[in-house]
């Protein structure tokens, strides 16, 4: 083994040991999804505004356009606070919450 390769291996081992110590100390943050990966966020439907709701009531007798929708967005640290409430890893999880909301209305 070359001396350069041995130095890299030692540096890698030292870095791994540092990560293990940091993890044991609770200093590492485990993210629910990789940064930039697609996740699903529930938000208000921009197509369901007052005029649309009133028109649908007149035409159909009820509002048929959903008030909230699930949209795919790239995961970022800004979404952590809403994780599990309005941000989900899969579309199915988001739509499950939307289904519950629809039944409650």
C-alpha atoms as a PDB file:
ATOM      1  CA  UNK A   1       0.000   0.000   0.000  1.00  0.00           C
ATOM      2  CA  UNK A   2       1.327   3.427  -0.892  1.00  0.00           C
ATOM      3  CA  UNK A   3       1.912   5.991   1.871  1.00  0.00           C
ATOM      4  CA  UNK A   4      -0.729   8.294   0.303  1.00  0.00           C
ATOM      5  CA  UNK A   5      -3.324   5.516   0.368  1.00  0.00           C
ATOM      6  CA  UNK A   6      -2.480   4.724   4.009  1.00  0.00           C
ATOM      7  CA  UNK A   7      -2.950   8.417   4.937  1.00  0.00           C
ATOM      8  CA  UNK A   8      -6.346   8.496   3.196  1.00  0.00           C
ATOM      9  CA  UNK A   9      -7.441   5.342   4.989  1.00  0.00           C
ATOM     10  CA  UNK A  10      -6.422   6.791   8.364  1.00  0.00           C
ATOM     11  CA  UNK A  11      -8.219  10.039   7.572  1.00  0.00           C
ATOM     12  CA  UNK A  12     -11.354   8.109   6.587  1.00  0.00           C
ATOM     13  CA  UNK A  13     -11.214   6.072   9.787  1.00  0.00           C
ATOM     14  CA  UNK A  14     -10.754   9.226  11.863  1.00  0.00           C
ATOM     15  CA  UNK A  15     -13.721  10.871  10.147  1.00  0.00           C
ATOM     16  CA  UNK A  16     -15.894   7.802  10.690  1.00  0.00           C
ATOM     17  CA  UNK A  17     -14.929   7.728  14.369  1.00  0.00           C
ATOM     18  CA  UNK A  18     -15.843  11.430  14.659  1.00  0.00           C
ATOM     19  CA  UNK A  19     -19.269  10.739  13.103  1.00  0.00           C
ATOM     20  CA  UNK A  20     -19.839   7.847  15.501  1.00  0.00           C
ATOM     21  CA  UNK A  21     -18.945  10.016  18.508  1.00  0.00           C
ATOM     22  CA  UNK A  22     -21.209  12.821  17.260  1.00  0.00           C
ATOM     23  CA  UNK A  23     -24.062  10.378  16.725  1.00  0.00           C
ATOM     24  CA  UNK A  24     -23.619   8.906  20.201  1.00  0.00           C
ATOM     25  CA  UNK A  25     -23.713  12.444  21.611  1.00  0.00           C
ATOM     26  CA  UNK A  26     -26.970  13.162  19.732  1.00  0.00           C
ATOM     27  CA  UNK A  27     -25.409  15.811  17.516  1.00  0.00           C
ATOM     28  CA  UNK A  28     -26.445  14.362  14.158  1.00  0.00           C
ATOM     29  CA  UNK A  29     -29.804  15.088  12.603  1.00  0.00           C
ATOM     30  CA  UNK A  30     -31.527  12.186  10.858  1.00  0.00           C
ATOM     31  CA  UNK A  31     -33.613  13.575   8.013  1.00  0.00           C
ATOM     32  CA  UNK A  32     -36.834  11.858   6.953  1.00  0.00           C
ATOM     33  CA  UNK A  33     -35.847  12.253   3.279  1.00  0.00           C
ATOM     34  CA  UNK A  34     -32.725  13.302   1.352  1.00  0.00           C
ATOM     35  CA  UNK A  35     -32.462  17.017   0.572  1.00  0.00           C
ATOM     36  CA  UNK A  36     -34.006  17.684  -2.845  1.00  0.00           C
ATOM     37  CA  UNK A  37     -35.897  14.392  -3.053  1.00  0.00           C
ATOM     38  CA  UNK A  38     -39.601  14.577  -3.952  1.00  0.00           C
ATOM     39  CA  UNK A  39     -42.075  14.778  -1.062  1.00  0.00           C
ATOM     40  CA  UNK A  40     -45.779  15.663  -0.929  1.00  0.00           C
ATOM     41  CA  UNK A  41     -47.078  18.859   0.693  1.00  0.00           C
ATOM     42  CA  UNK A  42     -50.711  19.611   1.402  1.00  0.00           C
ATOM     43  CA  UNK A  43     -51.721  23.179   0.686  1.00  0.00           C
ATOM     44  CA  UNK A  44     -54.739  25.305  -0.114  1.00  0.00           C
ATOM     45  CA  UNK A  45     -56.021  24.787  -3.649  1.00  0.00           C
ATOM     46  CA  UNK A  46     -55.571  28.046  -5.598  1.00  0.00           C
ATOM     47  CA  UNK A  47     -58.417  26.982  -7.924  1.00  0.00           C
ATOM     48  CA  UNK A  48     -60.901  26.865  -5.030  1.00  0.00           C
ATOM     49  CA  UNK A  49     -61.544  30.527  -4.333  1.00  0.00           C
ATOM     50  CA  UNK A  50     -64.759  32.302  -3.358  1.00  0.00           C
ATOM     51  CA  UNK A  51     -66.039  32.771  -6.929  1.00  0.00           C
ATOM     52  CA  UNK A  52     -65.522  29.114  -7.817  1.00  0.00           C
ATOM     53  CA  UNK A  53     -67.195  27.907  -4.628  1.00  0.00           C
ATOM     54  CA  UNK A  54     -70.236  30.141  -5.121  1.00  0.00           C
ATOM     55  CA  UNK A  55     -70.569  29.149  -8.789  1.00  0.00           C
ATOM     56  CA  UNK A  56     -70.375  25.445  -7.932  1.00  0.00           C
ATOM     57  CA  UNK A  57     -73.018  25.889  -5.226  1.00  0.00           C
ATOM     58  CA  UNK A  58     -75.284  27.529  -7.813  1.00  0.00           C
ATOM     59  CA  UNK A  59     -74.629  24.948 -10.550  1.00  0.00           C
ATOM     60  CA  UNK A  60     -74.273  21.732  -8.560  1.00  0.00           C
ATOM     61  CA  UNK A  61     -75.771  22.516  -5.191  1.00  0.00           C
ATOM     62  CA  UNK A  62     -72.439  21.886  -3.473  1.00  0.00           C
ATOM     63  CA  UNK A  63     -68.740  22.705  -3.754  1.00  0.00           C
ATOM     64  CA  UNK A  64     -66.956  20.013  -5.767  1.00  0.00           C
ATOM     65  CA  UNK A  65     -63.477  21.529  -6.128  1.00  0.00           C
ATOM     66  CA  UNK A  66     -61.258  20.374  -3.254  1.00  0.00           C
ATOM     67  CA  UNK A  67     -60.184  23.112  -0.860  1.00  0.00           C
ATOM     68  CA  UNK A  68     -56.772  21.537  -0.292  1.00  0.00           C
ATOM     69  CA  UNK A  69     -54.507  19.575  -2.613  1.00  0.00           C
ATOM     70  CA  UNK A  70     -51.323  17.497  -2.370  1.00  0.00           C
ATOM     71  CA  UNK A  71     -48.451  18.744  -4.504  1.00  0.00           C
ATOM     72  CA  UNK A  72     -45.009  17.309  -5.089  1.00  0.00           C
ATOM     73  CA  UNK A  73     -42.139  19.526  -3.940  1.00  0.00           C
ATOM     74  CA  UNK A  74     -38.410  18.978  -3.356  1.00  0.00           C
ATOM     75  CA  UNK A  75     -37.585  18.270   0.287  1.00  0.00           C
ATOM     76  CA  UNK A  76     -35.785  21.054   2.141  1.00  0.00           C
ATOM     77  CA  UNK A  77     -35.019  21.795   5.768  1.00  0.00           C
ATOM     78  CA  UNK A  78     -37.839  24.371   5.761  1.00  0.00           C
ATOM     79  CA  UNK A  79     -40.346  21.497   5.553  1.00  0.00           C
ATOM     80  CA  UNK A  80     -39.135  19.731   8.720  1.00  0.00           C
ATOM     81  CA  UNK A  81     -41.510  21.566  11.069  1.00  0.00           C
ATOM     82  CA  UNK A  82     -44.536  20.456   9.031  1.00  0.00           C
ATOM     83  CA  UNK A  83     -43.323  16.866   8.549  1.00  0.00           C
ATOM     84  CA  UNK A  84     -46.070  14.382   9.307  1.00  0.00           C
ATOM     85  CA  UNK A  85     -48.735  17.098   9.541  1.00  0.00           C
ATOM     86  CA  UNK A  86     -48.828  18.587   6.027  1.00  0.00           C
ATOM     87  CA  UNK A  87     -45.647  17.161   4.454  1.00  0.00           C
ATOM     88  CA  UNK A  88     -45.295  13.453   3.667  1.00  0.00           C
ATOM     89  CA  UNK A  89     -42.896  11.082   1.942  1.00  0.00           C
ATOM     90  CA  UNK A  90     -45.538   9.534  -0.328  1.00  0.00           C
ATOM     91  CA  UNK A  91     -48.584  10.798  -2.172  1.00  0.00           C
ATOM     92  CA  UNK A  92     -50.656   8.055  -0.540  1.00  0.00           C
ATOM     93  CA  UNK A  93     -49.912   9.411   2.951  1.00  0.00           C
ATOM     94  CA  UNK A  94     -50.884  12.938   1.867  1.00  0.00           C
ATOM     95  CA  UNK A  95     -54.078  11.776   0.163  1.00  0.00           C
ATOM     96  CA  UNK A  96     -54.994   9.723   3.226  1.00  0.00           C
ATOM     97  CA  UNK A  97     -54.981  12.942   5.280  1.00  0.00           C
ATOM     98  CA  UNK A  98     -56.948  14.764   2.575  1.00  0.00           C
ATOM     99  CA  UNK A  99     -59.499  11.933   2.626  1.00  0.00           C
ATOM    100  CA  UNK A 100     -59.908  12.279   6.393  1.00  0.00           C
ATOM    101  CA  UNK A 101     -60.381  16.034   6.041  1.00  0.00           C
ATOM    102  CA  UNK A 102     -63.014  15.497   3.344  1.00  0.00           C
ATOM    103  CA  UNK A 103     -65.007  13.161   5.561  1.00  0.00           C
ATOM    104  CA  UNK A 104     -64.939  15.629   8.460  1.00  0.00           C
ATOM    105  CA  UNK A 105     -66.456  18.453   6.375  1.00  0.00           C
END
